Each structure stands twice: as C-alpha cells, then as structure tokens.
Amino acid sequence: MTTTQVPGTVLLAHGSRDARWREPIEAVAARMREDDPAVRVLCAYMELAAPDLPTAAAALIADGATAVHVVPLFLGMGKHAREDLPLQLDALRERWPKVAFSLAPIVGESPELVALLARLAIKS
C-alpha cells in the first residue's frame, strides 16, 4: 500500500521591516492559489519579518501537509541560501521526521527567470 503525500510549499525570502517589500512574495503565493485553489502555500522570511521558516512549516503540517517543498526566492546564492537554509532544513527534518522536506534551487539560478529579467530590462 502506498501513501500519497499531501504537499505544502513555503516561499522563502530574505525579509524586510518594510511590509511593502513582502508584497511581491505574497503575490506569488496568491497567484499559486489562483492557479490551484487546493494548493497549500505560505510565505516565510529568513529575517526581519514573520513568519520564519519553522513557523510556516509548522502551520503547513498542522494543515495536513506531509511533504513541505521550500522554494528560496533569492536572486543570488548568498549566505542564507548556502549556509543558513541547509541548517534550518536539517532542524526541520529532525523535528518532523515523518514529513518529507525538499528544497528547490534558488530562483535566481533558473534560466527562465534570467530570461524574464533580461526581457524586462530590455523593455524598461
């Protein structure tokens, strides 16, 4: 007998004290919900804003997620993505050993995003 995982997604960004900074991140989550009303998605921030990754993961798990996919919305591979995030994922796996945690590549390394940014820069 196979068990189907219930997915949840965390859109992870750096964070800022300025609430307006979070609007584009939250717009991505809203668009995901528009595209699929059943999707479980939350935003989280590494610093300066709430919720943090453990809090967002806990909320998804409380909502029934048995698999949590973390999507780092960073343009570059900085210290947070390279060092802090793997440690946080290890801690999440230790806290919830029955939940499957996965990590997407940072979005800034996506060829599609690079192409989109180039097109936007040409148009501006």
C-alpha atoms as a PDB file:
ATOM      1  CA  MET A   1       0.000   0.000   0.000  1.00  0.00           C
ATOM      2  CA  THR A   2       1.426   3.399  -0.989  1.00  0.00           C
ATOM      3  CA  THR A   3       0.661   6.577   0.832  1.00  0.00           C
ATOM      4  CA  THR A   4       0.029   9.740  -1.125  1.00  0.00           C
ATOM      5  CA  GLN A   5       1.863  12.724   0.268  1.00  0.00           C
ATOM      6  CA  VAL A   6      -0.027  15.924   0.938  1.00  0.00           C
ATOM      7  CA  PRO A   7       2.175  18.725  -0.406  1.00  0.00           C
ATOM      8  CA  GLY A   8       2.767  22.143   1.072  1.00  0.00           C
ATOM      9  CA  THR A   9       5.011  24.891  -0.258  1.00  0.00           C
ATOM     10  CA  VAL A  10       6.960  27.571   1.566  1.00  0.00           C
ATOM     11  CA  LEU A  11       8.045  30.568  -0.495  1.00  0.00           C
ATOM     12  CA  LEU A  12      11.133  31.688   1.395  1.00  0.00           C
ATOM     13  CA  ALA A  13      12.544  35.188   1.019  1.00  0.00           C
ATOM     14  CA  HIS A  14      15.060  37.335   2.863  1.00  0.00           C
ATOM     15  CA  GLY A  15      12.673  39.646   4.688  1.00  0.00           C
ATOM     16  CA  SER A  16      12.449  43.342   5.453  1.00  0.00           C
ATOM     17  CA  ARG A  17      10.983  45.576   8.124  1.00  0.00           C
ATOM     18  CA  ASP A  18       9.071  47.361   5.357  1.00  0.00           C
ATOM     19  CA  ALA A  19       5.771  45.498   4.845  1.00  0.00           C
ATOM     20  CA  ARG A  20       5.636  46.675   1.213  1.00  0.00           C
ATOM     21  CA  TRP A  21       8.753  44.620   0.493  1.00  0.00           C
ATOM     22  CA  ARG A  22       6.742  41.447   1.161  1.00  0.00           C
ATOM     23  CA  GLU A  23       4.025  42.289  -1.368  1.00  0.00           C
ATOM     24  CA  PRO A  24       5.715  40.634  -4.401  1.00  0.00           C
ATOM     25  CA  ILE A  25       6.418  37.484  -2.396  1.00  0.00           C
ATOM     26  CA  GLU A  26       2.830  37.313  -1.208  1.00  0.00           C
ATOM     27  CA  ALA A  27       1.659  37.985  -4.781  1.00  0.00           C
ATOM     28  CA  VAL A  28       3.425  34.800  -5.900  1.00  0.00           C
ATOM     29  CA  ALA A  29       1.558  32.837  -3.215  1.00  0.00           C
ATOM     30  CA  ALA A  30      -1.734  34.459  -4.235  1.00  0.00           C
ATOM     31  CA  ARG A  31      -1.090  33.562  -7.881  1.00  0.00           C
ATOM     32  CA  MET A  32      -0.382  29.962  -6.893  1.00  0.00           C
ATOM     33  CA  ARG A  33      -3.725  29.871  -5.057  1.00  0.00           C
ATOM     34  CA  GLU A  34      -5.489  31.351  -8.108  1.00  0.00           C
ATOM     35  CA  ASP A  35      -3.937  28.714 -10.354  1.00  0.00           C
ATOM     36  CA  ASP A  36      -4.791  25.891  -7.933  1.00  0.00           C
ATOM     37  CA  PRO A  37      -7.235  26.676  -5.101  1.00  0.00           C
ATOM     38  CA  ALA A  38      -6.241  23.422  -3.341  1.00  0.00           C
ATOM     39  CA  VAL A  39      -2.578  24.402  -3.063  1.00  0.00           C
ATOM     40  CA  ARG A  40      -1.130  24.813   0.420  1.00  0.00           C
ATOM     41  CA  VAL A  41       1.370  27.682   0.256  1.00  0.00           C
ATOM     42  CA  LEU A  42       2.781  30.079   2.814  1.00  0.00           C
ATOM     43  CA  CYS A  43       5.440  32.772   2.711  1.00  0.00           C
ATOM     44  CA  ALA A  44       8.329  32.805   5.171  1.00  0.00           C
ATOM     45  CA  TYR A  45      11.304  35.040   5.755  1.00  0.00           C
ATOM     46  CA  MET A  46      14.875  34.486   6.893  1.00  0.00           C
ATOM     47  CA  GLU A  47      14.959  37.654   8.992  1.00  0.00           C
ATOM     48  CA  LEU A  48      13.271  40.981   9.747  1.00  0.00           C
ATOM     49  CA  ALA A  49       9.761  39.656   9.053  1.00  0.00           C
ATOM     50  CA  ALA A  50       7.405  36.940  10.195  1.00  0.00           C
ATOM     51  CA  PRO A  51       6.739  34.110   9.878  1.00  0.00           C
ATOM     52  CA  ASP A  52      10.081  32.352   9.804  1.00  0.00           C
ATOM     53  CA  LEU A  53      10.605  29.010   8.072  1.00  0.00           C
ATOM     54  CA  PRO A  54       9.931  26.797  11.124  1.00  0.00           C
ATOM     55  CA  THR A  55       6.692  28.653  11.862  1.00  0.00           C
ATOM     56  CA  ALA A  56       5.477  28.386   8.256  1.00  0.00           C
ATOM     57  CA  ALA A  57       6.401  24.689   8.106  1.00  0.00           C
ATOM     58  CA  ALA A  58       4.561  24.046  11.373  1.00  0.00           C
ATOM     59  CA  ALA A  59       1.447  25.769  10.013  1.00  0.00           C
ATOM     60  CA  LEU A  60       1.505  23.697   6.818  1.00  0.00           C
ATOM     61  CA  ILE A  61       1.967  20.486   8.801  1.00  0.00           C
ATOM     62  CA  ALA A  62      -0.886  21.465  11.133  1.00  0.00           C
ATOM     63  CA  ASP A  63      -2.983  21.956   7.974  1.00  0.00           C
ATOM     64  CA  GLY A  64      -2.238  18.374   6.916  1.00  0.00           C
ATOM     65  CA  ALA A  65       0.879  18.674   4.769  1.00  0.00           C
ATOM     66  CA  THR A  66       3.065  15.576   4.867  1.00  0.00           C
ATOM     67  CA  ALA A  67       5.619  16.970   2.399  1.00  0.00           C
ATOM     68  CA  VAL A  68       6.991  20.509   2.506  1.00  0.00           C
ATOM     69  CA  HIS A  69       8.771  21.980  -0.510  1.00  0.00           C
ATOM     70  CA  VAL A  70      10.835  25.100   0.227  1.00  0.00           C
ATOM     71  CA  VAL A  71      11.316  27.496  -2.686  1.00  0.00           C
ATOM     72  CA  PRO A  72      14.016  30.100  -1.960  1.00  0.00           C
ATOM     73  CA  LEU A  73      13.054  33.331  -3.705  1.00  0.00           C
ATOM     74  CA  PHE A  74      16.622  34.645  -3.770  1.00  0.00           C
ATOM     75  CA  LEU A  75      18.314  36.087  -6.847  1.00  0.00           C
ATOM     76  CA  GLY A  76      21.797  35.004  -5.777  1.00  0.00           C
ATOM     77  CA  MET A  77      23.445  32.260  -3.764  1.00  0.00           C
ATOM     78  CA  GLY A  78      24.267  34.211  -0.619  1.00  0.00           C
ATOM     79  CA  LYS A  79      24.987  33.097   2.918  1.00  0.00           C
ATOM     80  CA  HIS A  80      21.329  32.463   3.765  1.00  0.00           C
ATOM     81  CA  ALA A  81      20.854  30.047   0.863  1.00  0.00           C
ATOM     82  CA  ARG A  82      24.307  28.490   1.087  1.00  0.00           C
ATOM     83  CA  GLU A  83      24.700  28.093   4.866  1.00  0.00           C
ATOM     84  CA  ASP A  84      21.647  29.048   6.935  1.00  0.00           C
ATOM     85  CA  LEU A  85      18.940  27.315   4.927  1.00  0.00           C
ATOM     86  CA  PRO A  86      20.517  23.815   4.925  1.00  0.00           C
ATOM     87  CA  LEU A  87      20.895  24.030   8.717  1.00  0.00           C
ATOM     88  CA  GLN A  88      17.263  25.072   9.102  1.00  0.00           C
ATOM     89  CA  LEU A  89      16.124  22.193   6.880  1.00  0.00           C
ATOM     90  CA  ASP A  90      18.165  19.730   8.952  1.00  0.00           C
ATOM     91  CA  ALA A  91      16.451  21.056  12.091  1.00  0.00           C
ATOM     92  CA  LEU A  92      13.010  20.707  10.458  1.00  0.00           C
ATOM     93  CA  ARG A  93      13.757  17.132   9.412  1.00  0.00           C
ATOM     94  CA  GLU A  94      14.823  16.341  12.972  1.00  0.00           C
ATOM     95  CA  ARG A  95      11.700  17.937  14.450  1.00  0.00           C
ATOM     96  CA  TRP A  96       9.312  16.248  11.966  1.00  0.00           C
ATOM     97  CA  PRO A  97      10.982  13.022  10.802  1.00  0.00           C
ATOM     98  CA  LYS A  98       7.801  11.748   9.117  1.00  0.00           C
ATOM     99  CA  VAL A  99       7.476  14.838   6.907  1.00  0.00           C
ATOM    100  CA  ALA A 100       9.331  14.890   3.588  1.00  0.00           C
ATOM    101  CA  PHE A 101      11.180  18.194   3.248  1.00  0.00           C
ATOM    102  CA  SER A 102      12.607  19.205  -0.122  1.00  0.00           C
ATOM    103  CA  LEU A 103      14.474  22.254  -1.326  1.00  0.00           C
ATOM    104  CA  ALA A 104      14.189  23.873  -4.748  1.00  0.00           C
ATOM    105  CA  PRO A 105      17.176  25.625  -6.308  1.00  0.00           C
ATOM    106  CA  ILE A 106      17.221  29.362  -5.665  1.00  0.00           C
ATOM    107  CA  VAL A 107      15.045  31.078  -8.253  1.00  0.00           C
ATOM    108  CA  GLY A 108      17.907  33.322  -9.392  1.00  0.00           C
ATOM    109  CA  GLU A 109      19.611  30.272 -10.886  1.00  0.00           C
ATOM    110  CA  SER A 110      16.580  29.442 -13.024  1.00  0.00           C
ATOM    111  CA  PRO A 111      17.231  30.017 -16.748  1.00  0.00           C
ATOM    112  CA  GLU A 112      13.565  31.019 -17.129  1.00  0.00           C
ATOM    113  CA  LEU A 113      13.888  33.767 -14.526  1.00  0.00           C
ATOM    114  CA  VAL A 114      17.155  35.028 -16.010  1.00  0.00           C
ATOM    115  CA  ALA A 115      15.492  35.220 -19.436  1.00  0.00           C
ATOM    116  CA  LEU A 116      12.461  37.028 -17.998  1.00  0.00           C
ATOM    117  CA  LEU A 117      14.624  39.564 -16.167  1.00  0.00           C
ATOM    118  CA  ALA A 118      16.610  40.200 -19.350  1.00  0.00           C
ATOM    119  CA  ARG A 119      13.386  40.789 -21.313  1.00  0.00           C
ATOM    120  CA  LEU A 120      12.085  43.144 -18.629  1.00  0.00           C
ATOM    121  CA  ALA A 121      15.377  45.064 -18.574  1.00  0.00           C
ATOM    122  CA  ILE A 122      15.317  45.488 -22.363  1.00  0.00           C
ATOM    123  CA  LYS A 123      11.755  46.857 -22.208  1.00  0.00           C
ATOM    124  CA  SER A 124      12.494  49.364 -19.443  1.00  0.00           C
END
